[in-house]
C-alpha atoms as a PDB file:
ATOM      1  CA  MET A   1      59.357 -10.436 -77.804  1.00  0.00           C
ATOM      2  CA  THR A   2      61.666 -12.070 -80.310  1.00  0.00           C
ATOM      3  CA  LEU A   3      62.910 -15.480 -81.327  1.00  0.00           C
ATOM      4  CA  ALA A   4      65.871 -14.062 -83.242  1.00  0.00           C
ATOM      5  CA  GLY A   5      68.735 -16.538 -83.111  1.00  0.00           C
ATOM      6  CA  LYS A   6      66.685 -19.163 -81.267  1.00  0.00           C
ATOM      7  CA  THR A   7      66.664 -22.728 -82.571  1.00  0.00           C
ATOM      8  CA  LEU A   8      63.418 -24.685 -82.916  1.00  0.00           C
ATOM      9  CA  PHE A   9      63.170 -28.413 -83.573  1.00  0.00           C
ATOM     10  CA  ILE A  10      59.698 -29.092 -84.980  1.00  0.00           C
ATOM     11  CA  THR A  11      58.392 -32.556 -85.804  1.00  0.00           C
ATOM     12  CA  GLY A  12      55.982 -32.783 -88.724  1.00  0.00           C
ATOM     13  CA  ALA A  13      56.928 -29.277 -89.869  1.00  0.00           C
ATOM     14  CA  SER A  14      56.627 -29.881 -93.612  1.00  0.00           C
ATOM     15  CA  ARG A  15      53.023 -28.607 -93.689  1.00  0.00           C
ATOM     16  CA  GLY A  16      50.043 -27.422 -91.674  1.00  0.00           C
ATOM     17  CA  ILE A  17      50.362 -26.286 -88.077  1.00  0.00           C
ATOM     18  CA  GLY A  18      53.995 -27.314 -87.749  1.00  0.00           C
ATOM     19  CA  LEU A  19      54.937 -25.195 -90.742  1.00  0.00           C
ATOM     20  CA  ALA A  20      52.847 -22.260 -89.495  1.00  0.00           C
ATOM     21  CA  ILE A  21      54.763 -22.301 -86.201  1.00  0.00           C
ATOM     22  CA  ALA A  22      58.044 -22.478 -88.111  1.00  0.00           C
ATOM     23  CA  LEU A  23      57.165 -19.556 -90.362  1.00  0.00           C
ATOM     24  CA  ARG A  24      56.131 -17.328 -87.464  1.00  0.00           C
ATOM     25  CA  ALA A  25      59.451 -17.978 -85.746  1.00  0.00           C
ATOM     26  CA  ALA A  26      61.321 -17.468 -89.025  1.00  0.00           C
ATOM     27  CA  ARG A  27      59.973 -13.925 -89.316  1.00  0.00           C
ATOM     28  CA  ASP A  28      62.116 -13.102 -86.261  1.00  0.00           C
ATOM     29  CA  GLY A  29      65.182 -14.730 -87.791  1.00  0.00           C
ATOM     30  CA  ALA A  30      64.952 -18.027 -85.906  1.00  0.00           C
ATOM     31  CA  ASN A  31      66.654 -21.266 -86.870  1.00  0.00           C
ATOM     32  CA  VAL A  32      64.282 -24.141 -87.612  1.00  0.00           C
ATOM     33  CA  ALA A  33      64.950 -27.848 -87.970  1.00  0.00           C
ATOM     34  CA  VAL A  34      62.191 -29.281 -90.158  1.00  0.00           C
ATOM     35  CA  ALA A  35      62.037 -32.877 -88.901  1.00  0.00           C
ATOM     36  CA  ALA A  36      59.542 -34.875 -90.944  1.00  0.00           C
ATOM     37  CA  LYS A  37      59.202 -37.917 -93.181  1.00  0.00           C
ATOM     38  CA  THR A  38      57.996 -36.295 -96.401  1.00  0.00           C
ATOM     39  CA  VAL A  39      60.871 -35.896 -98.851  1.00  0.00           C
ATOM     40  CA  THR A  40      58.917 -36.362-102.096  1.00  0.00           C
ATOM     41  CA  PRO A  41      55.612 -34.670-103.028  1.00  0.00           C
ATOM     42  CA  ASP A  42      52.357 -36.479-102.262  1.00  0.00           C
ATOM     43  CA  PRO A  43      49.183 -35.280-104.047  1.00  0.00           C
ATOM     44  CA  ARG A  44      47.158 -35.808-100.843  1.00  0.00           C
ATOM     45  CA  LEU A  45      49.693 -34.127 -98.561  1.00  0.00           C
ATOM     46  CA  PRO A  46      51.215 -30.953-100.003  1.00  0.00           C
ATOM     47  CA  GLY A  47      54.681 -29.931 -98.852  1.00  0.00           C
ATOM     48  CA  THR A  48      58.004 -31.645 -98.176  1.00  0.00           C
ATOM     49  CA  ILE A  49      60.851 -30.920 -95.785  1.00  0.00           C
ATOM     50  CA  PHE A  50      62.574 -29.127 -98.654  1.00  0.00           C
ATOM     51  CA  THR A  51      59.676 -26.874 -99.661  1.00  0.00           C
ATOM     52  CA  ALA A  52      59.149 -26.052 -95.983  1.00  0.00           C
ATOM     53  CA  ALA A  53      62.816 -25.136 -95.637  1.00  0.00           C
ATOM     54  CA  GLU A  54      62.556 -22.851 -98.665  1.00  0.00           C
ATOM     55  CA  ASP A  55      59.526 -21.098 -97.172  1.00  0.00           C
ATOM     56  CA  ILE A  56      61.308 -20.654 -93.835  1.00  0.00           C
ATOM     57  CA  GLU A  57      64.340 -19.103 -95.536  1.00  0.00           C
ATOM     58  CA  LYS A  58      62.103 -16.764 -97.551  1.00  0.00           C
ATOM     59  CA  ALA A  59      60.398 -15.682 -94.308  1.00  0.00           C
ATOM     60  CA  GLY A  60      63.739 -14.636 -92.841  1.00  0.00           C
ATOM     61  CA  GLY A  61      64.873 -17.669 -90.891  1.00  0.00           C
ATOM     62  CA  LYS A  62      67.493 -20.360 -91.317  1.00  0.00           C
ATOM     63  CA  ALA A  63      66.285 -23.873 -92.040  1.00  0.00           C
ATOM     64  CA  LEU A  64      67.647 -27.388 -91.760  1.00  0.00           C
ATOM     65  CA  PRO A  65      65.487 -29.972 -93.550  1.00  0.00           C
ATOM     66  CA  ILE A  66      65.890 -33.363 -91.867  1.00  0.00           C
ATOM     67  CA  ALA A  67      64.316 -36.603 -93.037  1.00  0.00           C
ATOM     68  CA  CYS A  68      63.334 -38.041 -89.668  1.00  0.00           C
ATOM     69  CA  ASP A  69      61.073 -40.907 -88.611  1.00  0.00           C
ATOM     70  CA  ILE A  70      60.221 -40.278 -84.963  1.00  0.00           C
ATOM     71  CA  ARG A  71      59.443 -43.968 -84.535  1.00  0.00           C
ATOM     72  CA  ASP A  72      63.136 -44.764 -85.038  1.00  0.00           C
ATOM     73  CA  GLU A  73      65.511 -44.013 -82.163  1.00  0.00           C
ATOM     74  CA  GLN A  74      68.632 -43.701 -84.303  1.00  0.00           C
ATOM     75  CA  SER A  75      66.836 -41.373 -86.707  1.00  0.00           C
ATOM     76  CA  VAL A  76      65.757 -39.112 -83.839  1.00  0.00           C
ATOM     77  CA  GLU A  77      69.181 -39.121 -82.205  1.00  0.00           C
ATOM     78  CA  LYS A  78      70.841 -38.142 -85.483  1.00  0.00           C
ATOM     79  CA  ALA A  79      68.290 -35.415 -86.196  1.00  0.00           C
ATOM     80  CA  ILE A  80      68.770 -33.872 -82.749  1.00  0.00           C
ATOM     81  CA  ALA A  81      72.561 -34.106 -82.998  1.00  0.00           C
ATOM     82  CA  ASP A  82      72.606 -32.591 -86.496  1.00  0.00           C
ATOM     83  CA  THR A  83      70.426 -29.694 -85.357  1.00  0.00           C
ATOM     84  CA  ALA A  84      72.581 -28.937 -82.329  1.00  0.00           C
ATOM     85  CA  ALA A  85      75.747 -29.161 -84.421  1.00  0.00           C
ATOM     86  CA  ARG A  86      74.376 -26.863 -87.116  1.00  0.00           C
ATOM     87  CA  PHE A  87      72.911 -24.176 -84.859  1.00  0.00           C
ATOM     88  CA  GLY A  88      74.836 -24.575 -81.601  1.00  0.00           C
ATOM     89  CA  GLY A  89      72.004 -25.962 -79.494  1.00  0.00           C
ATOM     90  CA  ILE A  90      68.218 -26.283 -79.240  1.00  0.00           C
ATOM     91  CA  ASP A  91      65.992 -23.740 -77.475  1.00  0.00           C
ATOM     92  CA  ILE A  92      62.499 -24.944 -78.354  1.00  0.00           C
ATOM     93  CA  LEU A  93      60.978 -28.327 -79.163  1.00  0.00           C
ATOM     94  CA  VAL A  94      57.581 -28.632 -80.823  1.00  0.00           C
ATOM     95  CA  ASN A  95      56.055 -32.113 -80.738  1.00  0.00           C
ATOM     96  CA  ASN A  96      53.643 -31.668 -83.605  1.00  0.00           C
ATOM     97  CA  ALA A  97      53.829 -34.961 -85.534  1.00  0.00           C
ATOM     98  CA  SER A  98      50.740 -37.080 -84.986  1.00  0.00           C
ATOM     99  CA  ALA A  99      48.713 -39.901 -86.523  1.00  0.00           C
ATOM    100  CA  ILE A 100      44.917 -39.977 -86.568  1.00  0.00           C
ATOM    101  CA  SER A 101      42.211 -42.579 -87.128  1.00  0.00           C
ATOM    102  CA  LEU A 102      38.714 -41.606 -86.048  1.00  0.00           C
ATOM    103  CA  THR A 103      37.522 -45.203 -85.881  1.00  0.00           C
ATOM    104  CA  GLY A 104      35.728 -47.326 -83.348  1.00  0.00           C
ATOM    105  CA  THR A 105      37.087 -50.413 -81.655  1.00  0.00           C
ATOM    106  CA  LEU A 106      35.983 -52.888 -84.323  1.00  0.00           C
ATOM    107  CA  GLN A 107      37.034 -50.609 -87.175  1.00  0.00           C
ATOM    108  CA  THR A 108      40.590 -49.874 -85.996  1.00  0.00           C
ATOM    109  CA  PRO A 109      43.187 -52.210 -87.543  1.00  0.00           C
ATOM    110  CA  MET A 110      45.998 -53.028 -85.135  1.00  0.00           C
ATOM    111  CA  LYS A 111      48.467 -51.668 -87.664  1.00  0.00           C
ATOM    112  CA  ARG A 112      46.777 -48.278 -87.361  1.00  0.00           C
ATOM    113  CA  PHE A 113      46.551 -48.617 -83.570  1.00  0.00           C
ATOM    114  CA  ASP A 114      50.289 -49.273 -83.432  1.00  0.00           C
ATOM    115  CA  LEU A 115      51.053 -46.336 -85.738  1.00  0.00           C
ATOM    116  CA  MET A 116      49.130 -43.877 -83.552  1.00  0.00           C
ATOM    117  CA  ASN A 117      50.880 -45.047 -80.423  1.00  0.00           C
ATOM    118  CA  GLN A 118      54.304 -45.188 -82.034  1.00  0.00           C
ATOM    119  CA  ILE A 119      54.017 -41.606 -83.267  1.00  0.00           C
ATOM    120  CA  ASN A 120      51.776 -39.831 -80.765  1.00  0.00           C
ATOM    121  CA  GLN A 121      52.866 -41.532 -77.574  1.00  0.00           C
ATOM    122  CA  ARG A 122      56.283 -43.118 -78.061  1.00  0.00           C
ATOM    123  CA  GLY A 123      57.510 -40.549 -80.573  1.00  0.00           C
ATOM    124  CA  THR A 124      56.616 -37.595 -78.361  1.00  0.00           C
ATOM    125  CA  PHE A 125      58.313 -39.179 -75.366  1.00  0.00           C
ATOM    126  CA  MET A 126      61.431 -40.125 -77.318  1.00  0.00           C
ATOM    127  CA  VAL A 127      61.942 -36.787 -79.083  1.00  0.00           C
ATOM    128  CA  SER A 128      61.498 -34.996 -75.747  1.00  0.00           C
ATOM    129  CA  GLN A 129      63.999 -37.308 -74.084  1.00  0.00           C
ATOM    130  CA  LYS A 130      66.622 -36.860 -76.812  1.00  0.00           C
ATOM    131  CA  ALA A 131      66.207 -33.062 -76.959  1.00  0.00           C
ATOM    132  CA  LEU A 132      66.299 -32.455 -73.209  1.00  0.00           C
ATOM    133  CA  PRO A 133      70.110 -32.463 -72.773  1.00  0.00           C
ATOM    134  CA  HIS A 134      70.236 -29.507 -75.173  1.00  0.00           C
ATOM    135  CA  LEU A 135      67.134 -27.774 -73.801  1.00  0.00           C
ATOM    136  CA  LEU A 136      68.565 -27.885 -70.290  1.00  0.00           C
ATOM    137  CA  LYS A 137      71.404 -25.649 -71.506  1.00  0.00           C
ATOM    138  CA  ALA A 138      69.131 -23.084 -73.180  1.00  0.00           C
ATOM    139  CA  ALA A 139      68.337 -19.647 -71.778  1.00  0.00           C
ATOM    140  CA  ASN A 140      64.541 -19.890 -72.126  1.00  0.00           C
ATOM    141  CA  PRO A 141      63.748 -23.525 -72.991  1.00  0.00           C
ATOM    142  CA  HIS A 142      60.255 -24.524 -74.057  1.00  0.00           C
ATOM    143  CA  VAL A 143      58.625 -27.785 -75.126  1.00  0.00           C
ATOM    144  CA  LEU A 144      55.209 -27.482 -76.740  1.00  0.00           C
ATOM    145  CA  ASN A 145      53.066 -30.532 -77.464  1.00  0.00           C
ATOM    146  CA  LEU A 146      50.254 -30.055 -79.968  1.00  0.00           C
ATOM    147  CA  SER A 147      47.741 -31.939 -77.859  1.00  0.00           C
ATOM    148  CA  PRO A 148      44.482 -31.263 -76.030  1.00  0.00           C
ATOM    149  CA  PRO A 149      43.378 -30.505 -72.492  1.00  0.00           C
ATOM    150  CA  LEU A 150      42.691 -33.653 -70.512  1.00  0.00           C
ATOM    151  CA  ASP A 151      38.901 -33.696 -70.511  1.00  0.00           C
ATOM    152  CA  PHE A 152      37.848 -37.233 -69.605  1.00  0.00           C
ATOM    153  CA  ASP A 153      34.223 -36.898 -70.635  1.00  0.00           C
ATOM    154  CA  VAL A 154      33.432 -40.284 -72.179  1.00  0.00           C
ATOM    155  CA  LYS A 155      32.032 -38.595 -75.303  1.00  0.00           C
ATOM    156  CA  TRP A 156      35.611 -38.012 -76.453  1.00  0.00           C
ATOM    157  CA  PHE A 157      36.392 -41.729 -76.143  1.00  0.00           C
ATOM    158  CA  ALA A 158      33.238 -43.504 -77.241  1.00  0.00           C
ATOM    159  CA  ASN A 159      33.641 -43.164 -81.016  1.00  0.00           C
ATOM    160  CA  HIS A 160      37.429 -43.365 -81.357  1.00  0.00           C
ATOM    161  CA  PRO A 161      38.990 -44.699 -78.158  1.00  0.00           C
ATOM    162  CA  ALA A 162      42.326 -45.680 -79.689  1.00  0.00           C
ATOM    163  CA  TYR A 163      42.982 -42.238 -81.179  1.00  0.00           C
ATOM    164  CA  THR A 164      41.821 -40.372 -78.085  1.00  0.00           C
ATOM    165  CA  LEU A 165      44.067 -42.309 -75.744  1.00  0.00           C
ATOM    166  CA  ALA A 166      47.058 -42.025 -78.093  1.00  0.00           C
ATOM    167  CA  LYS A 167      46.509 -38.265 -78.397  1.00  0.00           C
ATOM    168  CA  TYR A 168      45.941 -37.760 -74.679  1.00  0.00           C
ATOM    169  CA  SER A 169      49.256 -39.482 -73.997  1.00  0.00           C
ATOM    170  CA  MET A 170      51.002 -36.456 -75.505  1.00  0.00           C
ATOM    171  CA  SER A 171      49.221 -34.230 -73.003  1.00  0.00           C
ATOM    172  CA  VAL A 172      50.018 -36.519 -70.085  1.00  0.00           C
ATOM    173  CA  TYR A 173      53.717 -36.414 -70.943  1.00  0.00           C
ATOM    174  CA  ALA A 174      53.711 -32.612 -71.009  1.00  0.00           C
ATOM    175  CA  TRP A 175      51.838 -32.507 -67.702  1.00  0.00           C
ATOM    176  CA  ALA A 176      54.240 -34.971 -66.078  1.00  0.00           C
ATOM    177  CA  MET A 177      57.436 -33.471 -67.494  1.00  0.00           C
ATOM    178  CA  ALA A 178      56.372 -29.967 -66.480  1.00  0.00           C
ATOM    179  CA  ALA A 179      56.548 -31.190 -62.885  1.00  0.00           C
ATOM    180  CA  GLU A 180      59.666 -33.305 -63.423  1.00  0.00           C
ATOM    181  CA  PHE A 181      61.628 -30.413 -64.984  1.00  0.00           C
ATOM    182  CA  LYS A 182      60.010 -27.514 -63.127  1.00  0.00           C
ATOM    183  CA  GLY A 183      62.368 -24.553 -62.996  1.00  0.00           C
ATOM    184  CA  LYS A 184      64.504 -26.077 -65.751  1.00  0.00           C
ATOM    185  CA  VAL A 185      62.383 -26.492 -68.907  1.00  0.00           C
ATOM    186  CA  ALA A 186      58.828 -25.371 -69.655  1.00  0.00           C
ATOM    187  CA  PHE A 187      56.402 -28.022 -70.926  1.00  0.00           C
ATOM    188  CA  ASN A 188      53.002 -26.942 -72.244  1.00  0.00           C
ATOM    189  CA  CYS A 189      50.246 -28.109 -74.583  1.00  0.00           C
ATOM    190  CA  LEU A 190      48.490 -26.070 -77.256  1.00  0.00           C
ATOM    191  CA  TRP A 191      45.198 -27.006 -78.920  1.00  0.00           C
ATOM    192  CA  PRO A 192      42.837 -25.176 -81.288  1.00  0.00           C
ATOM    193  CA  ARG A 193      39.302 -24.258 -80.309  1.00  0.00           C
ATOM    194  CA  THR A 194      38.128 -24.848 -83.875  1.00  0.00           C
ATOM    195  CA  GLY A 195      39.072 -27.028 -86.774  1.00  0.00           C
ATOM    196  CA  ILE A 196      42.259 -25.886 -88.476  1.00  0.00           C
ATOM    197  CA  ALA A 197      42.495 -25.900 -92.268  1.00  0.00           C
ATOM    198  CA  THR A 198      45.024 -28.690 -92.780  1.00  0.00           C
ATOM    199  CA  ALA A 199      45.300 -31.812 -94.901  1.00  0.00           C
ATOM    200  CA  ALA A 200      43.768 -33.800 -92.035  1.00  0.00           C
ATOM    201  CA  ILE A 201      40.559 -31.784 -92.271  1.00  0.00           C
ATOM    202  CA  ARG A 202      40.397 -32.130 -96.036  1.00  0.00           C
ATOM    203  CA  ASN A 203      41.213 -35.853 -96.124  1.00  0.00           C
ATOM    204  CA  VAL A 204      39.540 -37.110 -92.950  1.00  0.00           C
ATOM    205  CA  LEU A 205      36.767 -34.791 -91.852  1.00  0.00           C
ATOM    206  CA  GLY A 206      35.136 -32.712 -94.533  1.00  0.00           C
ATOM    207  CA  GLY A 207      36.885 -31.998 -97.806  1.00  0.00           C
ATOM    208  CA  ASP A 208      36.955 -28.459 -99.156  1.00  0.00           C
ATOM    209  CA  GLU A 209      33.564 -27.618 -97.644  1.00  0.00           C
ATOM    210  CA  GLY A 210      34.849 -28.612 -94.218  1.00  0.00           C
ATOM    211  CA  MET A 211      37.820 -26.314 -94.693  1.00  0.00           C
ATOM    212  CA  LYS A 212      35.497 -23.296 -94.926  1.00  0.00           C
ATOM    213  CA  ALA A 213      34.395 -23.904 -91.337  1.00  0.00           C
ATOM    214  CA  CYS A 214      37.982 -23.770 -90.070  1.00  0.00           C
ATOM    215  CA  ARG A 215      40.541 -21.239 -89.007  1.00  0.00           C
ATOM    216  CA  LYS A 216      43.913 -20.924 -90.733  1.00  0.00           C
ATOM    217  CA  PRO A 217      47.017 -22.594 -89.245  1.00  0.00           C
ATOM    218  CA  GLU A 218      48.441 -19.116 -88.607  1.00  0.00           C
ATOM    219  CA  ILE A 219      46.353 -18.822 -85.436  1.00  0.00           C
ATOM    220  CA  MET A 220      48.327 -21.705 -83.959  1.00  0.00           C
ATOM    221  CA  GLY A 221      51.595 -20.196 -85.166  1.00  0.00           C
ATOM    222  CA  ASP A 222      50.819 -16.889 -83.465  1.00  0.00           C
ATOM    223  CA  ALA A 223      49.697 -18.594 -80.242  1.00  0.00           C
ATOM    224  CA  ALA A 224      52.818 -20.758 -80.111  1.00  0.00           C
ATOM    225  CA  TYR A 225      54.974 -17.678 -80.707  1.00  0.00           C
ATOM    226  CA  ALA A 226      53.400 -15.935 -77.725  1.00  0.00           C
ATOM    227  CA  ILE A 227      54.040 -18.952 -75.493  1.00  0.00           C
ATOM    228  CA  PHE A 228      57.695 -19.262 -76.538  1.00  0.00           C
ATOM    229  CA  ASN A 229      58.323 -15.646 -75.584  1.00  0.00           C
ATOM    230  CA  ARG A 230      57.091 -16.136 -72.025  1.00  0.00           C
ATOM    231  CA  PRO A 231      59.611 -16.876 -69.251  1.00  0.00           C
ATOM    232  CA  PHE A 232      59.898 -20.651 -68.936  1.00  0.00           C
ATOM    233  CA  ARG A 233      59.785 -20.604 -65.132  1.00  0.00           C
ATOM    234  CA  ASP A 234      56.420 -18.807 -65.127  1.00  0.00           C
ATOM    235  CA  CYS A 235      54.805 -20.620 -68.066  1.00  0.00           C
ATOM    236  CA  THR A 236      54.728 -24.373 -67.637  1.00  0.00           C
ATOM    237  CA  GLY A 237      52.192 -27.141 -67.080  1.00  0.00           C
ATOM    238  CA  ASN A 238      49.454 -25.382 -69.051  1.00  0.00           C
ATOM    239  CA  PHE A 239      46.842 -26.699 -71.459  1.00  0.00           C
ATOM    240  CA  PHE A 240      46.456 -23.704 -73.722  1.00  0.00           C
ATOM    241  CA  ILE A 241      43.667 -23.047 -76.242  1.00  0.00           C
ATOM    242  CA  ASP A 242      44.809 -20.950 -79.201  1.00  0.00           C
ATOM    243  CA  ASP A 243      42.357 -18.058 -79.026  1.00  0.00           C
ATOM    244  CA  GLU A 244      42.668 -17.801 -75.241  1.00  0.00           C
ATOM    245  CA  VAL A 245      46.418 -17.281 -75.606  1.00  0.00           C
ATOM    246  CA  LEU A 246      45.923 -14.577 -78.215  1.00  0.00           C
ATOM    247  CA  THR A 247      43.138 -12.863 -76.272  1.00  0.00           C
ATOM    248  CA  ALA A 248      45.553 -12.566 -73.344  1.00  0.00           C
ATOM    249  CA  GLU A 249      48.034 -10.984 -75.762  1.00  0.00           C
ATOM    250  CA  GLY A 250      45.468  -8.363 -76.776  1.00  0.00           C
ATOM    251  CA  THR A 251      44.117  -9.866 -80.004  1.00  0.00           C
ATOM    252  CA  THR A 252      40.495  -8.924 -80.663  1.00  0.00           C
ATOM    253  CA  ASN A 253      40.090  -9.581 -84.393  1.00  0.00           C
ATOM    254  CA  PHE A 254      39.793 -13.320 -84.985  1.00  0.00           C
ATOM    255  CA  ASP A 255      38.163 -12.935 -88.394  1.00  0.00           C
ATOM    256  CA  GLN A 256      41.688 -12.553 -89.757  1.00  0.00           C
ATOM    257  CA  TYR A 257      42.200 -16.258 -89.062  1.00  0.00           C
ATOM    258  CA  ALA A 258      38.950 -17.506 -90.601  1.00  0.00           C
ATOM    259  CA  VAL A 259      39.168 -19.371 -93.892  1.00  0.00           C
ATOM    260  CA  SER A 260      35.703 -18.073 -94.752  1.00  0.00           C
ATOM    261  CA  PRO A 261      34.738 -15.136 -92.493  1.00  0.00           C
ATOM    262  CA  GLY A 262      31.118 -15.366 -91.443  1.00  0.00           C
ATOM    263  CA  THR A 263      30.904 -19.149 -91.855  1.00  0.00           C
ATOM    264  CA  PRO A 264      30.082 -20.894 -88.546  1.00  0.00           C
ATOM    265  CA  LEU A 265      33.239 -22.470 -87.190  1.00  0.00           C
ATOM    266  CA  MET A 266      33.687 -26.210 -86.671  1.00  0.00           C
ATOM    267  CA  PRO A 267      34.492 -26.882 -82.984  1.00  0.00           C
ATOM    268  CA  ASP A 268      37.508 -29.098 -82.470  1.00  0.00           C
ATOM    269  CA  PHE A 269      37.544 -32.315 -80.507  1.00  0.00           C
ATOM    270  CA  PHE A 270      38.433 -32.379 -76.799  1.00  0.00           C
ATOM    271  CA  VAL A 271      37.677 -28.731 -75.971  1.00  0.00           C
ATOM    272  CA  PRO A 272      35.636 -28.657 -72.750  1.00  0.00           C
ATOM    273  CA  ALA A 273      32.455 -26.632 -72.656  1.00  0.00           C
ATOM    274  CA  PRO A 274      32.740 -23.354 -70.723  1.00  0.00           C
ATOM    275  CA  GLY A 275      32.749 -24.093 -67.006  1.00  0.00           C
ATOM    276  CA  ALA A 276      33.206 -27.829 -67.497  1.00  0.00           C
ATOM    277  CA  ARG A 277      35.599 -29.634 -65.180  1.00  0.00           C
ATOM    278  CA  THR A 278      38.649 -31.288 -66.680  1.00  0.00           C
ATOM    279  CA  VAL A 279      40.701 -33.895 -64.863  1.00  0.00           C
ATOM    280  CA  VAL A 280      43.719 -31.637 -65.311  1.00  0.00           C
ATOM    281  CA  GLY A 281      42.810 -27.956 -65.352  1.00  0.00           C
ATOM    282  CA  ARG A 282      44.331 -25.154 -67.396  1.00  0.00           C
ATOM    283  CA  SER A 283      46.147 -22.326 -65.681  1.00  0.00           C
END
C-alpha cells in the first residue's frame, strides 16, 4: 500500500479533515494540490493554503497551494489544469469542501441556502466533472466525497432541511457517478461515526468542551488512505464509515484517535442505527 508519486486534488484542504487526508498521503511521498479559499489567516479558522502546503512538504510530500473558489468555473478549471501541469496528471480527487448551517426553514437566509448548494452540490459536481478527463487516464483513479450514507429517516431533515439536502447531494453524485463510470473511476463516500475535532465543531456545535467528545481528523485521513489503496474496479459505490474501514484493515485501538480518551463520543449526524435500513445501502 503506497501513494508514492500519486497526485491528489483536495478541496478545502487548508485545515481539518481535508488536511488530515493530505498529510497521510504526504507521508508516502504523494503530490497534493491544496485547493481552498483561505489565503490569509482567520482567527476563527486556523490554517491557510500556504501553511497546509508547508505541513505537507514537512510530512514528505510535494504540495501545490491553489487559491480556488469551487463556486467559480474558471477558478476550478485553472486549478485542475495547474495541478495536472505541475504533477503530470491527477490520480485522486477528494471533494471535501462544504458549507453548513444547522438551521430550520424559517431561520435559513436564502444567501446561506444558496451558499450550501453552490459549494456542496454544484461545487462537488463541477470539480468532479473538470477532474474526470485526468482521472480517466490514471492507473488507479479514485474520487472520494466527504458525505454521509443516504439515510432518509425524517429526523435528519426536520431540524435543518436545507443543509441535509445540500449535503446528501454530494452522496447522490458519488452514487450516480459510480454507476456512470463503473470500471473506469471509483466513486465513494466517507463519513465519520463520531464528531471530528474541527473548526466546525468548535464554532457551530460545542466549543472546546464539544471537541473533547470528538475523534481527531487523523481517523478520516487513515480511512481515506485505506480506500485509495484499494483497486478502483473493486471499490466503488460505497458509503463508508471511518471506523468500519479501519476495522476491516485490522485496526483495534480507536483510543488513539480520541481527543479525550474515556470521554463519551458525540455521534455524528446521518449515521444509521445498527440494522437500520438506508435508501442506498453500504457495501
